[in-house]
């Protein structure tokens, strides 16, 4: 009888832990419901480079272990990072394309650790940008195409840094509107 009681206790504890995790995630989604990323690539954006990528997470700025549920960047996903003359587009499997105009980009550098992921030194790209409401956040990407090739990761990082240092387009050219 004691073995059955022990099994029941373990089962109850496991169910409670799963329930706590689900409730915590739902609370995070509610807390971050006001944070959104800009969608859609401007009409006349010229593609300069494409990189296969794994989107890892978005966190509070300089707090790599404090995940944010910025819509539609809520879950890890594979996709493509596209560098254009106007900004960076992140097309993730199952999500609409996020477009970070050059004016939104704050910084791009290398990282090793973020929530749910630790890699070799400098194996992640940390992209610092502003959400629609102006909140500064960090998004972490891992270039997966040609993973062993650090030149590919370096090229993606250089392209992002070049965008940050480039002259900012006008508001009309950023949204794709034309007169």
Protein backbone atom coordinates (compact mmCIF):
# COMPACT_ATOMS: atom_id res chain seq x y z
CA UNK A 1 0.00 0.00 0.00
CA UNK A 2 2.84 2.47 0.75
CA UNK A 3 4.22 2.08 -2.79
CA UNK A 4 0.82 3.08 -4.21
CA UNK A 5 0.66 6.10 -1.91
CA UNK A 6 4.16 7.15 -2.92
CA UNK A 7 3.21 6.80 -6.60
CA UNK A 8 0.08 8.87 -6.07
CA UNK A 9 2.08 11.60 -4.28
CA UNK A 10 4.62 11.73 -7.12
CA UNK A 11 1.81 11.94 -9.68
CA UNK A 12 0.07 14.76 -7.79
CA UNK A 13 3.34 16.71 -7.48
CA UNK A 14 4.05 16.27 -11.21
CA UNK A 15 0.57 17.49 -12.15
CA UNK A 16 0.93 20.50 -9.82
CA UNK A 17 4.30 21.41 -11.37
CA UNK A 18 2.88 21.22 -14.89
CA UNK A 19 -0.12 23.30 -13.86
CA UNK A 20 2.15 25.89 -12.23
CA UNK A 21 4.21 26.12 -15.43
CA UNK A 22 1.13 26.61 -17.61
CA UNK A 23 -0.28 29.28 -15.28
CA UNK A 24 3.08 31.08 -15.13
CA UNK A 25 3.35 31.12 -18.95
CA UNK A 26 -0.21 32.47 -19.30
CA UNK A 27 0.61 35.21 -16.76
CA UNK A 28 3.72 36.13 -18.80
CA UNK A 29 1.64 36.34 -21.98
CA UNK A 30 -0.83 38.67 -20.23
CA UNK A 31 1.98 40.77 -18.73
CA UNK A 32 3.66 41.24 -22.12
CA UNK A 33 0.49 41.57 -24.22
CA UNK A 34 1.27 45.24 -24.95
CA UNK A 35 4.68 44.45 -26.47
CA UNK A 36 4.57 43.93 -30.23
CA UNK A 37 7.07 43.81 -33.03
CA UNK A 38 6.49 45.64 -36.32
CA UNK A 39 5.18 43.46 -39.15
CA UNK A 40 5.63 43.55 -42.92
CA UNK A 41 8.57 44.46 -45.13
CA UNK A 42 8.46 47.84 -46.95
CA UNK A 43 7.55 47.50 -50.64
CA UNK A 44 10.79 48.70 -52.16
CA UNK A 45 13.27 47.19 -49.71
CA UNK A 46 16.29 45.79 -51.55
CA UNK A 47 17.51 42.43 -50.24
CA UNK A 48 21.23 42.44 -49.51
CA UNK A 49 21.73 39.10 -47.71
CA UNK A 50 19.83 36.10 -46.34
CA UNK A 51 20.78 33.82 -43.46
CA UNK A 52 19.14 30.66 -42.16
CA UNK A 53 18.57 31.27 -38.48
CA UNK A 54 17.16 29.95 -35.25
CA UNK A 55 15.27 32.58 -33.31
CA UNK A 56 16.00 31.82 -29.64
CA UNK A 57 14.30 34.42 -27.46
CA UNK A 58 13.60 38.07 -26.76
CA UNK A 59 14.51 39.36 -23.31
CA UNK A 60 14.56 42.58 -21.33
CA UNK A 61 17.49 44.74 -22.39
CA UNK A 62 20.71 43.56 -20.71
CA UNK A 63 18.78 40.89 -18.74
CA UNK A 64 19.40 37.78 -20.83
CA UNK A 65 17.48 35.49 -18.46
CA UNK A 66 14.24 37.54 -18.30
CA UNK A 67 12.17 36.38 -21.27
CA UNK A 68 9.58 38.66 -22.88
CA UNK A 69 6.64 37.41 -24.93
CA UNK A 70 6.82 40.04 -27.69
CA UNK A 71 4.22 39.13 -30.30
CA UNK A 72 4.86 37.41 -32.73
CA UNK A 73 8.30 36.54 -31.29
CA UNK A 74 6.86 34.44 -28.48
CA UNK A 75 8.29 30.99 -29.24
CA UNK A 76 11.59 29.65 -30.52
CA UNK A 77 11.49 28.93 -34.24
CA UNK A 78 13.57 28.31 -37.32
CA UNK A 79 13.45 30.84 -40.08
CA UNK A 80 15.38 33.32 -42.14
CA UNK A 81 17.06 36.62 -41.34
CA UNK A 82 16.95 38.91 -44.36
CA UNK A 83 19.06 42.04 -44.45
CA UNK A 84 17.64 44.79 -46.66
CA UNK A 85 18.74 48.33 -47.36
CA UNK A 86 16.04 49.54 -44.91
CA UNK A 87 16.36 47.09 -42.04
CA UNK A 88 16.25 43.44 -41.00
CA UNK A 89 13.35 41.06 -41.67
CA UNK A 90 12.85 37.98 -39.52
CA UNK A 91 10.66 35.38 -41.23
CA UNK A 92 9.98 32.60 -38.75
CA UNK A 93 8.13 29.36 -39.48
CA UNK A 94 4.46 29.78 -38.59
CA UNK A 95 4.64 33.53 -37.85
CA UNK A 96 4.20 36.74 -39.82
CA UNK A 97 7.39 38.48 -40.94
CA UNK A 98 8.82 40.92 -38.40
CA UNK A 99 10.59 43.92 -39.92
CA UNK A 100 13.00 45.91 -37.80
CA UNK A 101 13.68 49.15 -39.63
CA UNK A 102 17.19 50.53 -39.26
CA UNK A 103 15.77 53.35 -37.11
CA UNK A 104 14.59 50.78 -34.52
CA UNK A 105 17.93 49.00 -34.26
CA UNK A 106 20.12 50.04 -31.35
CA UNK A 107 23.01 47.57 -31.31
CA UNK A 108 24.14 44.17 -32.59
CA UNK A 109 26.83 42.07 -30.96
CA UNK A 110 27.75 38.52 -29.98
CA UNK A 111 26.40 36.62 -26.99
CA UNK A 112 26.92 33.21 -25.45
CA UNK A 113 23.97 32.73 -23.09
CA UNK A 114 20.29 33.60 -23.02
CA UNK A 115 17.22 31.98 -21.52
CA UNK A 116 17.00 28.32 -22.62
CA UNK A 117 20.23 28.41 -24.63
CA UNK A 118 23.96 28.35 -23.98
CA UNK A 119 26.37 27.95 -26.88
CA UNK A 120 30.05 28.29 -27.67
CA UNK A 121 31.50 31.75 -26.93
CA UNK A 122 29.98 34.27 -29.33
CA UNK A 123 27.65 31.69 -30.91
CA UNK A 124 24.55 33.90 -30.68
CA UNK A 125 23.81 37.27 -32.19
CA UNK A 126 22.18 39.71 -29.78
CA UNK A 127 20.09 42.26 -31.63
CA UNK A 128 19.01 45.23 -29.52
CA UNK A 129 15.92 47.02 -30.85
CA UNK A 130 12.86 49.08 -29.88
CA UNK A 131 9.32 47.63 -29.79
CA UNK A 132 6.32 49.56 -31.08
CA UNK A 133 5.93 51.30 -27.70
CA UNK A 134 9.65 52.22 -27.53
CA UNK A 135 10.73 49.51 -25.04
CA UNK A 136 14.33 48.45 -25.68
CA UNK A 137 14.65 44.65 -25.91
CA UNK A 138 17.30 42.09 -26.87
CA UNK A 139 16.53 39.34 -29.40
CA UNK A 140 18.88 36.40 -29.77
CA UNK A 141 19.54 34.64 -33.07
CA UNK A 142 21.72 31.70 -33.98
CA UNK A 143 22.79 31.53 -37.61
CA UNK A 144 22.25 27.87 -38.58
CA UNK A 145 23.12 27.70 -42.25
CA UNK A 146 26.72 26.52 -42.41
CA UNK A 147 26.77 26.36 -38.58
CA UNK A 148 30.41 25.48 -38.25
CA UNK A 149 31.41 28.46 -40.35
CA UNK A 150 32.05 31.42 -38.05
CA UNK A 151 32.44 33.59 -41.17
CA UNK A 152 28.69 33.23 -41.83
CA UNK A 153 27.83 34.36 -38.31
CA UNK A 154 30.35 37.16 -38.58
CA UNK A 155 28.92 38.27 -41.93
CA UNK A 156 25.39 38.40 -40.49
CA UNK A 157 26.64 40.40 -37.51
CA UNK A 158 28.56 42.80 -39.77
CA UNK A 159 25.48 43.30 -41.96
CA UNK A 160 23.35 44.11 -38.89
CA UNK A 161 25.98 46.51 -37.53
CA UNK A 162 26.17 48.22 -40.91
CA UNK A 163 22.39 48.79 -40.78
CA UNK A 164 22.69 50.41 -37.36
CA UNK A 165 25.38 52.77 -38.59
CA UNK A 166 23.55 53.64 -41.83
CA UNK A 167 21.64 56.88 -42.38
CA UNK A 168 18.03 56.54 -41.25
CA UNK A 169 15.35 56.53 -43.97
CA UNK A 170 12.43 58.93 -43.81
CA UNK A 171 9.12 57.79 -42.28
CA UNK A 172 7.54 57.50 -45.77
CA UNK A 173 10.27 55.20 -47.08
CA UNK A 174 10.20 53.13 -43.86
CA UNK A 175 6.55 52.13 -44.29
CA UNK A 176 6.73 51.64 -48.02
CA UNK A 177 4.38 54.56 -48.75
CA UNK A 178 5.04 56.51 -51.90
CA UNK A 179 3.74 59.82 -53.14
